[in-house]
């Protein structure tokens, strides 16, 4: 099944901004999801947690991504190219929905407008779990997105907030923040060993952003020749912390509710050997 994709704060297609999405037939933007990943730019979700999204899909969950901006401030590529790349990546991950909230790239800030936009996305998709960036991320847009999502998740539960939109309040979703800095101790790490290859395929869908020997565009941090290898090394590092080949780390501010500590301990399997490092 092709992912549902849409653009605009109301998740309605704006053809002048999203020419690559015209051939999609399901554009309502109201698919109910189990998981919604909300990040600042097209490619942020893939770089941060594509393995987890792929794993969640394999477990039968309905998964979507909301990009806060079109990435129009990016040094390489264009918003139109990145829209096509985000569609290609969505197909690789088998997403059920991808929306773009069309907030200004490079100018994301906690405001009534940004909170309202995210509240409406949450109420339309009604996720049980929301993933986003961490507020300690050095990129200002990423840090702002973390704060916007946290406040919007709470406001989305308040029946009288933004009543004019005509959307029902939701139950408070769990909010998990992707760990960027090694100074942040993860609350949990997802074993993505079986999805490392798929993660890199989703990331490489954004060909405009990464190293190409023939490219004449200005170099950026992520277009350096060894960047993707460094990303893979980071995934393997977090995997090593739980004794597996590859992992993606997350932080939650609230206490985790473990229903059965014995079953949880069996799942953790702390005595499993570390992965072969040959």
C-alpha atoms as a PDB file:
ATOM      1  CA  UNK A   1       0.000   0.000   0.000  1.00  0.00           C
ATOM      2  CA  UNK A   2       1.422   3.368  -0.978  1.00  0.00           C
ATOM      3  CA  UNK A   3       1.888   5.876   1.844  1.00  0.00           C
ATOM      4  CA  UNK A   4      -0.593   8.690   2.182  1.00  0.00           C
ATOM      5  CA  UNK A   5       1.229  11.974   1.751  1.00  0.00           C
ATOM      6  CA  UNK A   6       0.080  15.523   2.148  1.00  0.00           C
ATOM      7  CA  UNK A   7       1.396  19.030   2.660  1.00  0.00           C
ATOM      8  CA  UNK A   8       0.372  22.153   4.517  1.00  0.00           C
ATOM      9  CA  UNK A   9      -0.630  22.960   8.090  1.00  0.00           C
ATOM     10  CA  UNK A  10      -4.052  21.396   7.559  1.00  0.00           C
ATOM     11  CA  UNK A  11      -2.459  18.368   5.864  1.00  0.00           C
ATOM     12  CA  UNK A  12      -4.020  19.378   2.557  1.00  0.00           C
ATOM     13  CA  UNK A  13      -2.100  19.067  -0.684  1.00  0.00           C
ATOM     14  CA  UNK A  14      -0.634  22.292  -2.063  1.00  0.00           C
ATOM     15  CA  UNK A  15       0.362  21.393  -5.591  1.00  0.00           C
ATOM     16  CA  UNK A  16       2.706  24.328  -6.044  1.00  0.00           C
ATOM     17  CA  UNK A  17       4.788  23.094  -3.103  1.00  0.00           C
ATOM     18  CA  UNK A  18       4.517  19.357  -3.630  1.00  0.00           C
ATOM     19  CA  UNK A  19       4.605  18.546  -7.345  1.00  0.00           C
ATOM     20  CA  UNK A  20       6.119  15.133  -6.682  1.00  0.00           C
ATOM     21  CA  UNK A  21       3.096  14.022  -4.699  1.00  0.00           C
ATOM     22  CA  UNK A  22       0.452  14.609  -7.371  1.00  0.00           C
ATOM     23  CA  UNK A  23       0.161  10.962  -8.340  1.00  0.00           C
ATOM     24  CA  UNK A  24      -0.924   9.910  -4.850  1.00  0.00           C
ATOM     25  CA  UNK A  25      -4.615   9.064  -4.629  1.00  0.00           C
ATOM     26  CA  UNK A  26      -5.140   9.181  -0.867  1.00  0.00           C
ATOM     27  CA  UNK A  27      -4.482  12.736   0.283  1.00  0.00           C
ATOM     28  CA  UNK A  28      -6.892  13.201   3.188  1.00  0.00           C
ATOM     29  CA  UNK A  29      -4.052  13.440   5.700  1.00  0.00           C
ATOM     30  CA  UNK A  30      -6.211  11.832   8.392  1.00  0.00           C
ATOM     31  CA  UNK A  31      -4.869   8.285   8.600  1.00  0.00           C
ATOM     32  CA  UNK A  32      -4.999   7.013  12.180  1.00  0.00           C
ATOM     33  CA  UNK A  33      -1.552   5.951  13.294  1.00  0.00           C
ATOM     34  CA  UNK A  34       0.032   4.035  16.137  1.00  0.00           C
ATOM     35  CA  UNK A  35       3.299   5.961  15.819  1.00  0.00           C
ATOM     36  CA  UNK A  36       4.044   9.462  14.529  1.00  0.00           C
ATOM     37  CA  UNK A  37       7.614  10.745  14.200  1.00  0.00           C
ATOM     38  CA  UNK A  38       7.760  14.556  14.138  1.00  0.00           C
ATOM     39  CA  UNK A  39      11.072  16.092  13.056  1.00  0.00           C
ATOM     40  CA  UNK A  40      12.241  19.419  11.685  1.00  0.00           C
ATOM     41  CA  UNK A  41      13.368  18.627   8.138  1.00  0.00           C
ATOM     42  CA  UNK A  42      12.910  16.000   5.451  1.00  0.00           C
ATOM     43  CA  UNK A  43      15.620  13.377   6.190  1.00  0.00           C
ATOM     44  CA  UNK A  44      15.752  14.026   9.972  1.00  0.00           C
ATOM     45  CA  UNK A  45      13.499  11.065  10.783  1.00  0.00           C
ATOM     46  CA  UNK A  46      15.520   8.789   8.517  1.00  0.00           C
ATOM     47  CA  UNK A  47      18.887   9.867   9.901  1.00  0.00           C
ATOM     48  CA  UNK A  48      17.656   9.558  13.465  1.00  0.00           C
ATOM     49  CA  UNK A  49      15.380   6.532  13.600  1.00  0.00           C
ATOM     50  CA  UNK A  50      14.680   4.886  10.257  1.00  0.00           C
ATOM     51  CA  UNK A  51      15.612   1.526  11.766  1.00  0.00           C
ATOM     52  CA  UNK A  52      13.017   1.913  14.507  1.00  0.00           C
ATOM     53  CA  UNK A  53      10.338   2.990  12.023  1.00  0.00           C
ATOM     54  CA  UNK A  54      11.103  -0.033   9.841  1.00  0.00           C
ATOM     55  CA  UNK A  55      10.971  -2.323  12.866  1.00  0.00           C
ATOM     56  CA  UNK A  56       7.652  -0.888  14.039  1.00  0.00           C
ATOM     57  CA  UNK A  57       6.208  -1.445  10.574  1.00  0.00           C
ATOM     58  CA  UNK A  58       7.430  -5.052  10.631  1.00  0.00           C
ATOM     59  CA  UNK A  59       5.574  -5.529  13.918  1.00  0.00           C
ATOM     60  CA  UNK A  60       2.319  -4.497  12.261  1.00  0.00           C
ATOM     61  CA  UNK A  61       2.016  -0.944  13.563  1.00  0.00           C
ATOM     62  CA  UNK A  62       0.725   1.982  11.517  1.00  0.00           C
ATOM     63  CA  UNK A  63       3.579   4.446  11.235  1.00  0.00           C
ATOM     64  CA  UNK A  64       3.871   7.974   9.875  1.00  0.00           C
ATOM     65  CA  UNK A  65       6.262  10.922   9.699  1.00  0.00           C
ATOM     66  CA  UNK A  66       5.485  14.638   9.970  1.00  0.00           C
ATOM     67  CA  UNK A  67       8.185  16.999   8.689  1.00  0.00           C
ATOM     68  CA  UNK A  68       7.903  20.445  10.255  1.00  0.00           C
ATOM     69  CA  UNK A  69       9.505  22.239   7.286  1.00  0.00           C
ATOM     70  CA  UNK A  70      10.283  21.704   3.613  1.00  0.00           C
ATOM     71  CA  UNK A  71      14.011  22.141   4.200  1.00  0.00           C
ATOM     72  CA  UNK A  72      14.048  25.239   2.025  1.00  0.00           C
ATOM     73  CA  UNK A  73      17.071  26.686   3.871  1.00  0.00           C
ATOM     74  CA  UNK A  74      19.179  23.667   2.978  1.00  0.00           C
ATOM     75  CA  UNK A  75      22.523  24.302   1.274  1.00  0.00           C
ATOM     76  CA  UNK A  76      22.045  21.468  -1.207  1.00  0.00           C
ATOM     77  CA  UNK A  77      19.093  20.474  -3.349  1.00  0.00           C
ATOM     78  CA  UNK A  78      15.749  22.278  -3.560  1.00  0.00           C
ATOM     79  CA  UNK A  79      12.443  21.922  -1.704  1.00  0.00           C
ATOM     80  CA  UNK A  80      11.000  20.180  -4.764  1.00  0.00           C
ATOM     81  CA  UNK A  81      13.869  17.688  -4.909  1.00  0.00           C
ATOM     82  CA  UNK A  82      13.585  17.030  -1.190  1.00  0.00           C
ATOM     83  CA  UNK A  83       9.828  16.493  -1.520  1.00  0.00           C
ATOM     84  CA  UNK A  84      10.494  13.767  -4.092  1.00  0.00           C
ATOM     85  CA  UNK A  85      13.247  12.292  -1.915  1.00  0.00           C
ATOM     86  CA  UNK A  86      10.943  12.209   1.111  1.00  0.00           C
ATOM     87  CA  UNK A  87       8.377  10.329  -0.975  1.00  0.00           C
ATOM     88  CA  UNK A  88      11.031   7.828  -2.072  1.00  0.00           C
ATOM     89  CA  UNK A  89      12.180   7.349   1.534  1.00  0.00           C
ATOM     90  CA  UNK A  90       8.577   6.903   2.691  1.00  0.00           C
ATOM     91  CA  UNK A  91       8.174   4.091   0.205  1.00  0.00           C
ATOM     92  CA  UNK A  92      11.382   2.426   1.382  1.00  0.00           C
ATOM     93  CA  UNK A  93      10.114   2.487   4.972  1.00  0.00           C
ATOM     94  CA  UNK A  94       6.573   1.510   4.005  1.00  0.00           C
ATOM     95  CA  UNK A  95       5.069   4.479   5.838  1.00  0.00           C
ATOM     96  CA  UNK A  96       1.311   4.734   6.141  1.00  0.00           C
ATOM     97  CA  UNK A  97       1.422   8.543   6.013  1.00  0.00           C
ATOM     98  CA  UNK A  98       3.840  11.395   5.543  1.00  0.00           C
ATOM     99  CA  UNK A  99       2.799  15.011   5.991  1.00  0.00           C
ATOM    100  CA  UNK A 100       4.638  18.294   5.751  1.00  0.00           C
ATOM    101  CA  UNK A 101       3.535  21.038   8.150  1.00  0.00           C
ATOM    102  CA  UNK A 102       5.232  23.789   6.087  1.00  0.00           C
ATOM    103  CA  UNK A 103       6.672  25.838   8.906  1.00  0.00           C
ATOM    104  CA  UNK A 104       9.609  28.165   8.063  1.00  0.00           C
ATOM    105  CA  UNK A 105      12.927  26.341   7.889  1.00  0.00           C
ATOM    106  CA  UNK A 106      15.581  27.956  10.061  1.00  0.00           C
ATOM    107  CA  UNK A 107      12.962  29.899  12.007  1.00  0.00           C
ATOM    108  CA  UNK A 108      11.171  27.235  14.043  1.00  0.00           C
ATOM    109  CA  UNK A 109      10.220  28.516  17.485  1.00  0.00           C
ATOM    110  CA  UNK A 110       7.769  27.653  20.229  1.00  0.00           C
ATOM    111  CA  UNK A 111       4.719  29.809  19.458  1.00  0.00           C
ATOM    112  CA  UNK A 112       0.960  29.597  19.383  1.00  0.00           C
ATOM    113  CA  UNK A 113       1.084  28.962  15.631  1.00  0.00           C
ATOM    114  CA  UNK A 114       3.555  26.093  15.785  1.00  0.00           C
ATOM    115  CA  UNK A 115       1.819  24.487  18.756  1.00  0.00           C
ATOM    116  CA  UNK A 116      -1.525  24.683  16.978  1.00  0.00           C
ATOM    117  CA  UNK A 117      -0.153  23.164  13.777  1.00  0.00           C
ATOM    118  CA  UNK A 118       1.255  20.180  15.679  1.00  0.00           C
ATOM    119  CA  UNK A 119      -1.869  19.799  17.829  1.00  0.00           C
ATOM    120  CA  UNK A 120      -3.943  19.472  14.661  1.00  0.00           C
ATOM    121  CA  UNK A 121      -1.567  16.873  13.224  1.00  0.00           C
ATOM    122  CA  UNK A 122      -1.752  14.875  16.455  1.00  0.00           C
ATOM    123  CA  UNK A 123      -5.545  15.049  16.575  1.00  0.00           C
ATOM    124  CA  UNK A 124      -5.854  13.953  12.967  1.00  0.00           C
ATOM    125  CA  UNK A 125      -3.541  10.979  13.328  1.00  0.00           C
ATOM    126  CA  UNK A 126      -4.191  10.111  17.023  1.00  0.00           C
ATOM    127  CA  UNK A 127      -0.873   8.299  17.636  1.00  0.00           C
ATOM    128  CA  UNK A 128      -0.194   6.284  20.769  1.00  0.00           C
ATOM    129  CA  UNK A 129       3.524   7.097  20.618  1.00  0.00           C
ATOM    130  CA  UNK A 130       5.250  10.227  19.311  1.00  0.00           C
ATOM    131  CA  UNK A 131       8.965  10.383  18.510  1.00  0.00           C
ATOM    132  CA  UNK A 132      10.813  13.651  18.091  1.00  0.00           C
ATOM    133  CA  UNK A 133      14.205  15.285  18.556  1.00  0.00           C
ATOM    134  CA  UNK A 134      15.805  16.123  21.909  1.00  0.00           C
ATOM    135  CA  UNK A 135      15.898  19.672  23.264  1.00  0.00           C
ATOM    136  CA  UNK A 136      19.663  19.366  23.786  1.00  0.00           C
ATOM    137  CA  UNK A 137      20.261  19.009  20.037  1.00  0.00           C
ATOM    138  CA  UNK A 138      22.672  21.722  18.789  1.00  0.00           C
ATOM    139  CA  UNK A 139      20.542  22.554  15.720  1.00  0.00           C
ATOM    140  CA  UNK A 140      18.094  25.328  16.760  1.00  0.00           C
ATOM    141  CA  UNK A 141      15.263  23.895  14.661  1.00  0.00           C
ATOM    142  CA  UNK A 142      15.681  20.464  16.239  1.00  0.00           C
ATOM    143  CA  UNK A 143      15.711  21.867  19.769  1.00  0.00           C
ATOM    144  CA  UNK A 144      12.643  24.003  19.007  1.00  0.00           C
ATOM    145  CA  UNK A 145      10.779  21.032  17.527  1.00  0.00           C
ATOM    146  CA  UNK A 146      11.310  19.044  20.724  1.00  0.00           C
ATOM    147  CA  UNK A 147       9.720  21.803  22.798  1.00  0.00           C
ATOM    148  CA  UNK A 148       6.879  22.370  20.333  1.00  0.00           C
ATOM    149  CA  UNK A 149       5.996  18.681  20.262  1.00  0.00           C
ATOM    150  CA  UNK A 150       6.080  18.312  24.051  1.00  0.00           C
ATOM    151  CA  UNK A 151       3.676  21.209  24.590  1.00  0.00           C
ATOM    152  CA  UNK A 152       1.452  20.277  21.654  1.00  0.00           C
ATOM    153  CA  UNK A 153       1.089  16.700  22.910  1.00  0.00           C
ATOM    154  CA  UNK A 154      -0.342  18.021  26.181  1.00  0.00           C
ATOM    155  CA  UNK A 155      -2.514  20.674  24.547  1.00  0.00           C
ATOM    156  CA  UNK A 156      -3.975  18.086  22.166  1.00  0.00           C
ATOM    157  CA  UNK A 157      -5.596  16.414  25.195  1.00  0.00           C
ATOM    158  CA  UNK A 158      -7.461  19.597  26.207  1.00  0.00           C
ATOM    159  CA  UNK A 159     -10.951  19.586  24.740  1.00  0.00           C
ATOM    160  CA  UNK A 160     -11.353  23.363  24.612  1.00  0.00           C
ATOM    161  CA  UNK A 161      -7.986  24.093  23.023  1.00  0.00           C
ATOM    162  CA  UNK A 162      -8.316  25.055  19.330  1.00  0.00           C
ATOM    163  CA  UNK A 163     -12.016  24.125  19.267  1.00  0.00           C
ATOM    164  CA  UNK A 164     -12.468  26.025  16.008  1.00  0.00           C
ATOM    165  CA  UNK A 165     -10.571  23.312  14.119  1.00  0.00           C
ATOM    166  CA  UNK A 166     -13.348  20.830  14.884  1.00  0.00           C
ATOM    167  CA  UNK A 167     -10.976  18.023  15.889  1.00  0.00           C
ATOM    168  CA  UNK A 168     -11.523  15.827  18.933  1.00  0.00           C
ATOM    169  CA  UNK A 169      -9.078  15.840  21.821  1.00  0.00           C
ATOM    170  CA  UNK A 170      -6.849  12.792  22.163  1.00  0.00           C
ATOM    171  CA  UNK A 171      -5.337  10.753  24.974  1.00  0.00           C
ATOM    172  CA  UNK A 172      -1.854  11.858  25.909  1.00  0.00           C
ATOM    173  CA  UNK A 173       0.619   9.964  23.714  1.00  0.00           C
ATOM    174  CA  UNK A 174       3.933   8.755  25.028  1.00  0.00           C
ATOM    175  CA  UNK A 175       6.680  11.122  23.848  1.00  0.00           C
ATOM    176  CA  UNK A 176      10.181   9.788  23.181  1.00  0.00           C
ATOM    177  CA  UNK A 177      13.141  11.929  22.183  1.00  0.00           C
ATOM    178  CA  UNK A 178      15.885  10.678  19.885  1.00  0.00           C
ATOM    179  CA  UNK A 179      19.260  10.886  21.611  1.00  0.00           C
ATOM    180  CA  UNK A 180      21.814  13.007  19.778  1.00  0.00           C
ATOM    181  CA  UNK A 181      24.477  13.613  22.416  1.00  0.00           C
ATOM    182  CA  UNK A 182      26.378  10.894  24.245  1.00  0.00           C
ATOM    183  CA  UNK A 183      26.000  13.092  27.322  1.00  0.00           C
ATOM    184  CA  UNK A 184      22.319  12.030  27.407  1.00  0.00           C
ATOM    185  CA  UNK A 185      21.816   8.626  29.006  1.00  0.00           C
ATOM    186  CA  UNK A 186      19.206   6.770  26.921  1.00  0.00           C
ATOM    187  CA  UNK A 187      16.034   5.575  28.609  1.00  0.00           C
ATOM    188  CA  UNK A 188      15.857   2.734  26.109  1.00  0.00           C
ATOM    189  CA  UNK A 189      17.590   1.521  22.973  1.00  0.00           C
ATOM    190  CA  UNK A 190      15.788  -0.232  20.126  1.00  0.00           C
ATOM    191  CA  UNK A 191      17.588  -3.198  18.547  1.00  0.00           C
ATOM    192  CA  UNK A 192      17.561  -2.386  14.822  1.00  0.00           C
ATOM    193  CA  UNK A 193      20.169  -4.946  13.763  1.00  0.00           C
ATOM    194  CA  UNK A 194      17.804  -6.531  11.243  1.00  0.00           C
ATOM    195  CA  UNK A 195      16.939  -3.138   9.754  1.00  0.00           C
ATOM    196  CA  UNK A 196      20.348  -1.465   9.427  1.00  0.00           C
ATOM    197  CA  UNK A 197      20.451  -2.067   5.670  1.00  0.00           C
ATOM    198  CA  UNK A 198      16.926  -0.720   5.196  1.00  0.00           C
ATOM    199  CA  UNK A 199      17.813   2.322   7.282  1.00  0.00           C
ATOM    200  CA  UNK A 200      20.731   3.172   5.016  1.00  0.00           C
ATOM    201  CA  UNK A 201      18.567   2.662   1.926  1.00  0.00           C
ATOM    202  CA  UNK A 202      15.997   5.137   3.297  1.00  0.00           C
ATOM    203  CA  UNK A 203      18.749   7.639   4.101  1.00  0.00           C
ATOM    204  CA  UNK A 204      20.306   7.313   0.662  1.00  0.00           C
ATOM    205  CA  UNK A 205      16.957   8.256  -0.874  1.00  0.00           C
ATOM    206  CA  UNK A 206      18.074  11.818  -0.063  1.00  0.00           C
ATOM    207  CA  UNK A 207      20.798  11.723  -2.690  1.00  0.00           C
ATOM    208  CA  UNK A 208      20.933  15.526  -2.941  1.00  0.00           C
ATOM    209  CA  UNK A 209      22.126  15.809   0.653  1.00  0.00           C
ATOM    210  CA  UNK A 210      25.018  13.353   0.759  1.00  0.00           C
ATOM    211  CA  UNK A 211      28.398  12.862  -0.815  1.00  0.00           C
ATOM    212  CA  UNK A 212      28.595  12.596  -4.588  1.00  0.00           C
ATOM    213  CA  UNK A 213      31.966  12.944  -6.247  1.00  0.00           C
ATOM    214  CA  UNK A 214      30.421  14.700  -9.246  1.00  0.00           C
ATOM    215  CA  UNK A 215      28.457  17.241  -7.198  1.00  0.00           C
ATOM    216  CA  UNK A 216      29.357  20.911  -7.656  1.00  0.00           C
ATOM    217  CA  UNK A 217      27.157  22.120  -4.775  1.00  0.00           C
ATOM    218  CA  UNK A 218      28.720  23.532  -1.595  1.00  0.00           C
ATOM    219  CA  UNK A 219      29.926  20.976   0.937  1.00  0.00           C
ATOM    220  CA  UNK A 220      28.076  20.512   4.232  1.00  0.00           C
ATOM    221  CA  UNK A 221      28.664  18.450   7.339  1.00  0.00           C
ATOM    222  CA  UNK A 222      26.434  15.631   6.118  1.00  0.00           C
ATOM    223  CA  UNK A 223      27.806  15.716   2.570  1.00  0.00           C
ATOM    224  CA  UNK A 224      31.294  14.813   3.771  1.00  0.00           C
ATOM    225  CA  UNK A 225      32.500  11.547   2.306  1.00  0.00           C
ATOM    226  CA  UNK A 226      32.699   9.748   5.651  1.00  0.00           C
ATOM    227  CA  UNK A 227      29.472  11.048   7.190  1.00  0.00           C
ATOM    228  CA  UNK A 228      27.329   7.973   6.523  1.00  0.00           C
ATOM    229  CA  UNK A 229      30.076   5.722   7.891  1.00  0.00           C
ATOM    230  CA  UNK A 230      30.123   7.832  11.068  1.00  0.00           C
ATOM    231  CA  UNK A 231      26.355   7.491  11.315  1.00  0.00           C
ATOM    232  CA  UNK A 232      26.655   3.721  10.963  1.00  0.00           C
ATOM    233  CA  UNK A 233      29.353   3.709  13.649  1.00  0.00           C
ATOM    234  CA  UNK A 234      27.026   5.588  16.000  1.00  0.00           C
ATOM    235  CA  UNK A 235      24.245   3.064  15.404  1.00  0.00           C
ATOM    236  CA  UNK A 236      26.671   0.236  16.145  1.00  0.00           C
ATOM    237  CA  UNK A 237      27.848   2.015  19.309  1.00  0.00           C
ATOM    238  CA  UNK A 238      24.325   2.205  20.703  1.00  0.00           C
ATOM    239  CA  UNK A 239      23.783  -1.397  19.694  1.00  0.00           C
ATOM    240  CA  UNK A 240      26.893  -2.402  21.641  1.00  0.00           C
ATOM    241  CA  UNK A 241      25.374  -0.924  24.808  1.00  0.00           C
ATOM    242  CA  UNK A 242      22.647  -3.576  24.670  1.00  0.00           C
ATOM    243  CA  UNK A 243      24.751  -6.345  23.206  1.00  0.00           C
ATOM    244  CA  UNK A 244      23.454  -6.253  19.627  1.00  0.00           C
ATOM    245  CA  UNK A 245      24.776  -5.189  16.240  1.00  0.00           C
ATOM    246  CA  UNK A 246      22.866  -1.916  15.817  1.00  0.00           C
ATOM    247  CA  UNK A 247      20.662   0.256  18.013  1.00  0.00           C
ATOM    248  CA  UNK A 248      18.803   3.565  18.097  1.00  0.00           C
ATOM    249  CA  UNK A 249      18.651   5.418  21.407  1.00  0.00           C
ATOM    250  CA  UNK A 250      15.768   7.361  22.941  1.00  0.00           C
ATOM    251  CA  UNK A 251      15.086   9.381  26.067  1.00  0.00           C
ATOM    252  CA  UNK A 252      11.766   9.755  27.863  1.00  0.00           C
ATOM    253  CA  UNK A 253      11.227  12.341  30.589  1.00  0.00           C
ATOM    254  CA  UNK A 254       8.389  10.448  32.246  1.00  0.00           C
ATOM    255  CA  UNK A 255       8.846   7.183  34.165  1.00  0.00           C
ATOM    256  CA  UNK A 256       8.386   4.060  32.053  1.00  0.00           C
ATOM    257  CA  UNK A 257       5.498   1.808  33.065  1.00  0.00           C
ATOM    258  CA  UNK A 258       6.759  -1.794  33.102  1.00  0.00           C
ATOM    259  CA  UNK A 259       3.781  -4.102  33.584  1.00  0.00           C
ATOM    260  CA  UNK A 260       5.776  -7.316  34.093  1.00  0.00           C
ATOM    261  CA  UNK A 261       9.392  -6.836  35.245  1.00  0.00           C
ATOM    262  CA  UNK A 262      10.135 -10.535  34.735  1.00  0.00           C
ATOM    263  CA  UNK A 263       8.977 -10.483  31.114  1.00  0.00           C
ATOM    264  CA  UNK A 264      10.853  -7.217  30.613  1.00  0.00           C
ATOM    265  CA  UNK A 265      14.033  -8.769  32.015  1.00  0.00           C
ATOM    266  CA  UNK A 266      13.695 -11.720  29.653  1.00  0.00           C
ATOM    267  CA  UNK A 267      13.404  -9.267  26.777  1.00  0.00           C
ATOM    268  CA  UNK A 268      16.422  -7.253  27.897  1.00  0.00           C
ATOM    269  CA  UNK A 269      18.578 -10.435  28.111  1.00  0.00           C
ATOM    270  CA  UNK A 270      21.463  -8.657  29.775  1.00  0.00           C
ATOM    271  CA  UNK A 271      23.596 -11.792  29.676  1.00  0.00           C
ATOM    272  CA  UNK A 272      23.662 -12.048  25.870  1.00  0.00           C
ATOM    273  CA  UNK A 273      27.147 -11.759  24.350  1.00  0.00           C
ATOM    274  CA  UNK A 274      28.364  -8.635  22.678  1.00  0.00           C
ATOM    275  CA  UNK A 275      28.189  -8.676  18.868  1.00  0.00           C
ATOM    276  CA  UNK A 276      31.131  -9.923  16.852  1.00  0.00           C
ATOM    277  CA  UNK A 277      33.344  -6.881  16.157  1.00  0.00           C
ATOM    278  CA  UNK A 278      35.428  -8.485  13.361  1.00  0.00           C
END
